[in-house]
Amino acid sequence: MEITTEQFNDLQTDVASIKKILGKEYKEEIAAIKKILKKEYKPEILTSSEVMNLLRISRNTYNRMKDEGIIKVYTMRGKLLSKRIEILQALEEGKIN
């Protein structure tokens, strides 16, 4: 089957239009997925500020719990970090109320 130059040009235009439409749809879907992932993503390692926000405690309370060993703290490059799972375990065990 042979096609004319005009038909070929029409097909190219159609393909370009389809790519443009699909590109917009995929961009919207990808943006929606990213939005969902941002909401549902919970980091495994928390900074001291994130721990305080999670537990709704003051800096003094955080420091006391850290000093008493209630909250396990790891230091990396001068930052205090905690594992989310360890914070949740301490909550479940009643160490944090």
C-alpha atoms as a PDB file:
ATOM      1  CA  MET A   1       0.000   0.000   0.000  1.00  0.00           C
ATOM      2  CA  GLU A   2       1.406   3.329  -0.977  1.00  0.00           C
ATOM      3  CA  ILE A   3       0.460   6.652   0.487  1.00  0.00           C
ATOM      4  CA  THR A   4       0.794  10.086  -0.939  1.00  0.00           C
ATOM      5  CA  THR A   5       3.024  12.789   0.451  1.00  0.00           C
ATOM      6  CA  GLU A   6      -0.061  14.618   1.667  1.00  0.00           C
ATOM      7  CA  GLN A   7      -1.299  11.532   3.541  1.00  0.00           C
ATOM      8  CA  PHE A   8       2.165  11.030   5.021  1.00  0.00           C
ATOM      9  CA  ASN A   9       2.263  14.645   6.217  1.00  0.00           C
ATOM     10  CA  ASP A  10      -1.227  14.250   7.710  1.00  0.00           C
ATOM     11  CA  LEU A  11      -0.070  11.136   9.569  1.00  0.00           C
ATOM     12  CA  GLN A  12       2.964  12.973  10.930  1.00  0.00           C
ATOM     13  CA  THR A  13       0.726  15.777  12.148  1.00  0.00           C
ATOM     14  CA  ASP A  14      -1.620  13.259  13.769  1.00  0.00           C
ATOM     15  CA  VAL A  15       1.254  11.467  15.488  1.00  0.00           C
ATOM     16  CA  ALA A  16       2.623  14.781  16.782  1.00  0.00           C
ATOM     17  CA  SER A  17      -0.835  15.693  18.124  1.00  0.00           C
ATOM     18  CA  ILE A  18      -1.180  12.313  19.842  1.00  0.00           C
ATOM     19  CA  LYS A  19       2.262  12.662  21.444  1.00  0.00           C
ATOM     20  CA  LYS A  20       1.341  16.108  22.692  1.00  0.00           C
ATOM     21  CA  ILE A  21      -1.954  14.893  24.188  1.00  0.00           C
ATOM     22  CA  LEU A  22      -0.368  11.836  25.805  1.00  0.00           C
ATOM     23  CA  GLY A  23       2.481  13.908  27.140  1.00  0.00           C
ATOM     24  CA  LYS A  24       0.072  16.230  28.931  1.00  0.00           C
ATOM     25  CA  GLU A  25      -1.934  13.327  30.336  1.00  0.00           C
ATOM     26  CA  TYR A  26       1.174  11.557  31.602  1.00  0.00           C
ATOM     27  CA  LYS A  27       2.517  14.745  33.127  1.00  0.00           C
ATOM     28  CA  GLU A  28      -0.741  15.217  35.027  1.00  0.00           C
ATOM     29  CA  GLU A  29      -0.756  11.592  36.196  1.00  0.00           C
ATOM     30  CA  ILE A  30       2.887  11.745  37.251  1.00  0.00           C
ATOM     31  CA  ALA A  31       2.250  14.983  39.152  1.00  0.00           C
ATOM     32  CA  ALA A  32      -0.713  13.356  40.931  1.00  0.00           C
ATOM     33  CA  ILE A  33       1.369  10.313  41.873  1.00  0.00           C
ATOM     34  CA  LYS A  34       4.189  12.500  43.180  1.00  0.00           C
ATOM     35  CA  LYS A  35       1.700  14.439  45.293  1.00  0.00           C
ATOM     36  CA  ILE A  36       0.351  11.214  46.815  1.00  0.00           C
ATOM     37  CA  LEU A  37       3.836   9.878  47.490  1.00  0.00           C
ATOM     38  CA  LYS A  38       4.869  13.100  49.209  1.00  0.00           C
ATOM     39  CA  LYS A  39       1.870  12.879  51.522  1.00  0.00           C
ATOM     40  CA  GLU A  40       2.368   9.191  52.292  1.00  0.00           C
ATOM     41  CA  TYR A  41       6.163   9.158  52.464  1.00  0.00           C
ATOM     42  CA  LYS A  42       7.464   9.078  55.982  1.00  0.00           C
ATOM     43  CA  PRO A  43      11.217   9.194  56.352  1.00  0.00           C
ATOM     44  CA  GLU A  44      12.819   6.412  58.367  1.00  0.00           C
ATOM     45  CA  ILE A  45      15.377   8.752  59.914  1.00  0.00           C
ATOM     46  CA  LEU A  46      14.125  11.833  61.759  1.00  0.00           C
ATOM     47  CA  THR A  47      15.923  14.985  62.825  1.00  0.00           C
ATOM     48  CA  SER A  48      15.499  16.219  66.383  1.00  0.00           C
ATOM     49  CA  SER A  49      13.006  18.841  65.136  1.00  0.00           C
ATOM     50  CA  GLU A  50      10.972  16.161  63.369  1.00  0.00           C
ATOM     51  CA  VAL A  51      10.920  14.032  66.524  1.00  0.00           C
ATOM     52  CA  MET A  52       9.743  17.013  68.571  1.00  0.00           C
ATOM     53  CA  ASN A  53       7.005  17.743  66.022  1.00  0.00           C
ATOM     54  CA  LEU A  54       5.972  14.084  65.860  1.00  0.00           C
ATOM     55  CA  LEU A  55       5.716  13.782  69.636  1.00  0.00           C
ATOM     56  CA  ARG A  56       4.572  17.382  70.153  1.00  0.00           C
ATOM     57  CA  ILE A  57       7.205  17.985  72.806  1.00  0.00           C
ATOM     58  CA  SER A  58       9.472  20.912  73.669  1.00  0.00           C
ATOM     59  CA  ARG A  59      13.233  21.039  73.209  1.00  0.00           C
ATOM     60  CA  ASN A  60      13.663  20.622  76.984  1.00  0.00           C
ATOM     61  CA  THR A  61      11.489  17.511  77.046  1.00  0.00           C
ATOM     62  CA  TYR A  62      13.342  16.132  74.020  1.00  0.00           C
ATOM     63  CA  ASN A  63      16.708  16.703  75.710  1.00  0.00           C
ATOM     64  CA  ARG A  64      15.501  15.083  78.950  1.00  0.00           C
ATOM     65  CA  MET A  65      14.164  12.018  77.098  1.00  0.00           C
ATOM     66  CA  LYS A  66      17.395  11.807  75.119  1.00  0.00           C
ATOM     67  CA  ASP A  67      19.528  12.055  78.268  1.00  0.00           C
ATOM     68  CA  GLU A  68      17.404   9.400  80.026  1.00  0.00           C
ATOM     69  CA  GLY A  69      17.755   7.067  77.034  1.00  0.00           C
ATOM     70  CA  ILE A  70      14.033   7.092  76.276  1.00  0.00           C
ATOM     71  CA  ILE A  71      14.740   8.439  72.814  1.00  0.00           C
ATOM     72  CA  LYS A  72      17.688   6.814  71.090  1.00  0.00           C
ATOM     73  CA  VAL A  73      19.794   9.362  69.265  1.00  0.00           C
ATOM     74  CA  TYR A  74      22.463   8.929  66.617  1.00  0.00           C
ATOM     75  CA  THR A  75      24.872  11.662  65.587  1.00  0.00           C
ATOM     76  CA  MET A  76      25.874  12.260  62.004  1.00  0.00           C
ATOM     77  CA  ARG A  77      27.835  15.327  60.946  1.00  0.00           C
ATOM     78  CA  GLY A  78      26.828  17.053  64.151  1.00  0.00           C
ATOM     79  CA  LYS A  79      23.101  16.420  63.663  1.00  0.00           C
ATOM     80  CA  LEU A  80      20.976  14.464  66.105  1.00  0.00           C
ATOM     81  CA  LEU A  81      18.973  11.783  64.313  1.00  0.00           C
ATOM     82  CA  SER A  82      16.525   9.122  65.476  1.00  0.00           C
ATOM     83  CA  LYS A  83      14.946   6.125  63.808  1.00  0.00           C
ATOM     84  CA  ARG A  84      11.186   6.462  63.326  1.00  0.00           C
ATOM     85  CA  ILE A  85      10.661   2.785  64.214  1.00  0.00           C
ATOM     86  CA  GLU A  86      12.451   3.241  67.551  1.00  0.00           C
ATOM     87  CA  ILE A  87      10.310   6.273  68.410  1.00  0.00           C
ATOM     88  CA  LEU A  88       7.147   4.315  67.562  1.00  0.00           C
ATOM     89  CA  GLN A  89       8.352   1.327  69.619  1.00  0.00           C
ATOM     90  CA  ALA A  90       8.985   3.586  72.621  1.00  0.00           C
ATOM     91  CA  LEU A  91       5.450   4.931  72.263  1.00  0.00           C
ATOM     92  CA  GLU A  92       3.984   1.416  72.092  1.00  0.00           C
ATOM     93  CA  GLU A  93       5.995   0.284  75.105  1.00  0.00           C
ATOM     94  CA  GLY A  94       4.713   3.237  77.119  1.00  0.00           C
ATOM     95  CA  LYS A  95       8.139   4.808  77.544  1.00  0.00           C
ATOM     96  CA  ILE A  96       6.773   7.964  75.930  1.00  0.00           C
ATOM     97  CA  ASN A  97       3.393   9.206  77.061  1.00  0.00           C
END
